[in-house]
Amino acid sequence: MACDITAGRAGKVCKDKLGGNSSLYIFNFVEDPFTIVAGEATAINASLTTVFEFGLEGDGNTLVQDKTSDRNTGTSVNTTTLAAVLKALDAPTNVTLNLLSAGYPQAVVKDRNDNYHAIGLDDGIDFAINSQTGGAKTDLNGYTITGVSTTKDLAPILDAATVTAFLALV
């Protein structure tokens, strides 16, 4: 059967990983932005020419993938939810985030282990923007953006050569 698994995973892995994300790279929608082979992005579509970086700090930046299968319908979908905290409110960021929520952007998220996850590849990402001044002096003055996308498979991870080529577009 084509959906039988072909490999397992070691019982113990090293305890040397970190949670969280360090950078968010967003780009306007491109049909098939990466060549995907066995869960890995191995090349960039030549139509992808511009990427915008959003630096992330702190612990409020998460990427969660929920892959769910339905026996009754014979379908599977991966719902990816990205949450990112951008500090400090300003007019130029308002303009950017208004456009972000109106479009169909795609993204790559760099986690704290230097893995680059490509998300929103099928239909783009739908973003909700929360802008707040905070109440207490130590509250967030900034934005929390939440992006949700659905794809068939878990997000591919960029291979080393593709990371190098991708970062050249920033």
Protein backbone atom coordinates (compact mmCIF):
# COMPACT_ATOMS: atom_id res chain seq x y z
CA MET A 1 0.00 0.00 0.00
CA ALA A 2 1.37 3.46 -0.93
CA CYS A 3 0.64 4.92 2.50
CA ASP A 4 2.54 2.31 4.55
CA ILE A 5 5.38 3.80 6.59
CA THR A 6 8.90 2.89 5.52
CA ALA A 7 11.01 3.99 8.49
CA GLY A 8 10.95 4.42 12.24
CA ARG A 9 12.73 6.70 14.65
CA ALA A 10 15.27 6.05 17.42
CA GLY A 11 13.82 5.72 20.91
CA LYS A 12 16.02 8.39 22.39
CA VAL A 13 17.20 11.60 20.80
CA CYS A 14 19.68 14.08 22.20
CA LYS A 15 18.39 16.68 24.64
CA ASP A 16 20.04 19.54 22.79
CA LYS A 17 17.09 21.27 21.07
CA LEU A 18 15.43 24.60 21.84
CA GLY A 19 11.81 25.59 21.44
CA GLY A 20 10.70 28.78 19.73
CA ASN A 21 11.52 30.73 16.61
CA SER A 22 14.07 33.41 15.80
CA SER A 23 13.05 34.81 12.39
CA LEU A 24 10.01 35.09 10.17
CA TYR A 25 10.43 35.56 6.43
CA ILE A 26 7.31 36.55 4.48
CA PHE A 27 6.88 36.76 0.73
CA ASN A 28 4.00 37.41 -1.63
CA PHE A 29 2.21 34.38 -3.06
CA VAL A 30 4.13 32.36 -5.64
CA GLU A 31 2.73 29.17 -7.17
CA ASP A 32 4.97 26.30 -6.01
CA PRO A 33 7.67 28.50 -4.41
CA PHE A 34 9.89 25.50 -3.62
CA THR A 35 10.66 22.12 -5.12
CA ILE A 36 9.70 19.59 -2.45
CA VAL A 37 11.35 16.16 -2.30
CA ALA A 38 10.65 13.78 0.61
CA GLY A 39 9.59 16.56 3.01
CA GLU A 40 12.51 18.81 2.14
CA ALA A 41 12.60 21.99 0.07
CA THR A 42 15.47 21.44 -2.37
CA ALA A 43 15.18 24.39 -4.79
CA ILE A 44 13.49 27.81 -5.16
CA ASN A 45 11.10 28.80 -7.92
CA ALA A 46 12.70 31.56 -10.03
CA SER A 47 9.48 33.60 -9.61
CA LEU A 48 10.31 34.09 -5.93
CA THR A 49 12.48 37.20 -6.01
CA THR A 50 11.74 39.23 -2.86
CA VAL A 51 11.50 38.15 0.78
CA PHE A 52 10.87 40.37 3.84
CA GLU A 53 12.38 39.52 7.22
CA PHE A 54 10.63 40.06 10.55
CA GLY A 55 13.02 39.51 13.46
CA LEU A 56 11.53 37.66 16.42
CA GLU A 57 12.55 37.90 20.06
CA GLY A 58 11.18 36.35 23.21
CA ASP A 59 9.01 33.37 23.90
CA GLY A 60 5.68 34.32 22.28
CA ASN A 61 6.66 33.17 18.78
CA THR A 62 5.27 29.75 17.96
CA LEU A 63 4.68 27.47 15.00
CA VAL A 64 2.20 24.64 15.51
CA GLN A 65 1.22 22.05 12.92
CA ASP A 66 -1.86 19.87 13.44
CA LYS A 67 -2.12 17.10 10.86
CA THR A 68 -5.50 15.39 11.05
CA SER A 69 -6.83 12.47 9.04
CA ASP A 70 -10.48 11.53 8.61
CA ARG A 71 -11.24 7.87 8.03
CA ASN A 72 -14.82 8.65 6.93
CA THR A 73 -13.82 10.97 4.11
CA GLY A 74 -10.37 9.53 3.34
CA THR A 75 -8.74 12.95 3.68
CA SER A 76 -5.86 14.47 5.64
CA VAL A 77 -5.11 18.12 6.25
CA ASN A 78 -2.32 19.93 8.06
CA THR A 79 -3.41 23.13 9.78
CA THR A 80 -0.43 25.35 10.53
CA THR A 81 -0.74 28.17 13.04
CA LEU A 82 1.99 30.77 13.37
CA ALA A 83 2.00 33.34 16.19
CA ALA A 84 4.55 36.14 16.15
CA VAL A 85 5.04 39.11 18.45
CA LEU A 86 6.34 42.31 16.86
CA LYS A 87 7.34 44.96 19.38
CA ALA A 88 6.50 48.67 19.04
CA LEU A 89 3.59 50.21 17.13
CA ASP A 90 4.32 52.49 14.19
CA ALA A 91 2.61 53.76 11.04
CA PRO A 92 4.82 51.93 8.47
CA THR A 93 4.20 48.59 10.19
CA ASN A 94 0.45 49.33 10.22
CA VAL A 95 0.58 49.70 6.44
CA THR A 96 2.58 46.47 6.02
CA LEU A 97 0.29 44.47 8.29
CA ASN A 98 -2.85 45.81 6.56
CA LEU A 99 -1.45 44.48 3.29
CA LEU A 100 -0.37 41.24 4.94
CA SER A 101 -3.90 40.51 6.13
CA ALA A 102 -5.43 41.38 2.74
CA GLY A 103 -3.12 39.18 0.65
CA TYR A 104 -2.20 35.52 0.39
CA PRO A 105 1.38 35.59 1.69
CA GLN A 106 3.59 32.59 2.24
CA ALA A 107 6.38 32.30 4.79
CA VAL A 108 9.46 30.56 6.08
CA VAL A 109 9.97 30.35 9.83
CA LYS A 110 13.45 29.85 11.25
CA ASP A 111 13.34 28.00 14.55
CA ARG A 112 15.96 28.24 17.29
CA ASN A 113 17.59 25.05 15.98
CA ASP A 114 18.30 26.65 12.58
CA ASN A 115 15.58 24.72 10.76
CA TYR A 116 13.70 26.72 8.12
CA HIS A 117 10.03 25.63 7.82
CA ALA A 118 8.12 26.66 4.66
CA ILE A 119 4.45 27.34 5.41
CA GLY A 120 1.36 28.38 3.49
CA LEU A 121 2.61 26.80 0.28
CA ASP A 122 -0.76 25.62 -1.07
CA ASP A 123 -3.06 28.63 -0.66
CA GLY A 124 -1.12 31.21 1.33
CA ILE A 125 -1.61 32.24 4.93
CA ASP A 126 -4.57 34.10 6.44
CA PHE A 127 -3.32 36.57 9.05
CA ALA A 128 -5.17 38.12 11.99
CA ILE A 129 -3.52 41.22 13.43
CA ASN A 130 -3.79 42.27 17.07
CA SER A 131 -2.41 45.75 17.77
CA GLN A 132 -2.17 46.86 21.39
CA THR A 133 -0.67 49.60 23.52
CA GLY A 134 -0.89 47.62 26.75
CA GLY A 135 -2.15 48.88 30.08
CA ALA A 136 0.71 48.42 32.51
CA LYS A 137 4.14 49.84 31.80
CA THR A 138 5.48 46.32 31.25
CA ASP A 139 2.69 45.22 28.85
CA LEU A 140 3.32 44.71 25.15
CA ASN A 141 3.23 47.79 22.99
CA GLY A 142 3.16 46.14 19.60
CA TYR A 143 1.49 43.56 17.43
CA THR A 144 0.64 39.91 17.74
CA ILE A 145 0.09 38.41 14.33
CA THR A 146 -1.50 35.00 13.93
CA GLY A 147 -1.33 33.23 10.61
CA VAL A 148 -3.28 30.10 9.72
CA SER A 149 -2.86 27.96 6.64
CA THR A 150 -3.93 24.53 5.52
CA THR A 151 -1.86 22.18 3.42
CA LYS A 152 -1.82 18.49 2.64
CA ASP A 153 1.52 17.71 4.28
CA LEU A 154 3.60 18.89 7.21
CA ALA A 155 5.72 21.93 6.34
CA PRO A 156 8.86 21.05 4.40
CA ILE A 157 12.22 22.06 5.82
CA LEU A 158 14.67 23.87 3.55
CA ASP A 159 17.93 22.05 2.82
CA ALA A 160 21.24 23.91 3.33
CA ALA A 161 21.66 25.02 -0.29
CA THR A 162 18.07 26.27 -0.45
CA VAL A 163 18.53 28.21 2.80
CA THR A 164 21.54 29.98 1.30
CA ALA A 165 19.67 30.83 -1.91
CA PHE A 166 16.57 31.89 0.05
CA LEU A 167 18.48 34.25 2.38
CA ALA A 168 20.00 35.94 -0.67
CA LEU A 169 16.45 37.12 -1.52
CA VAL A 170 15.97 38.97 1.78
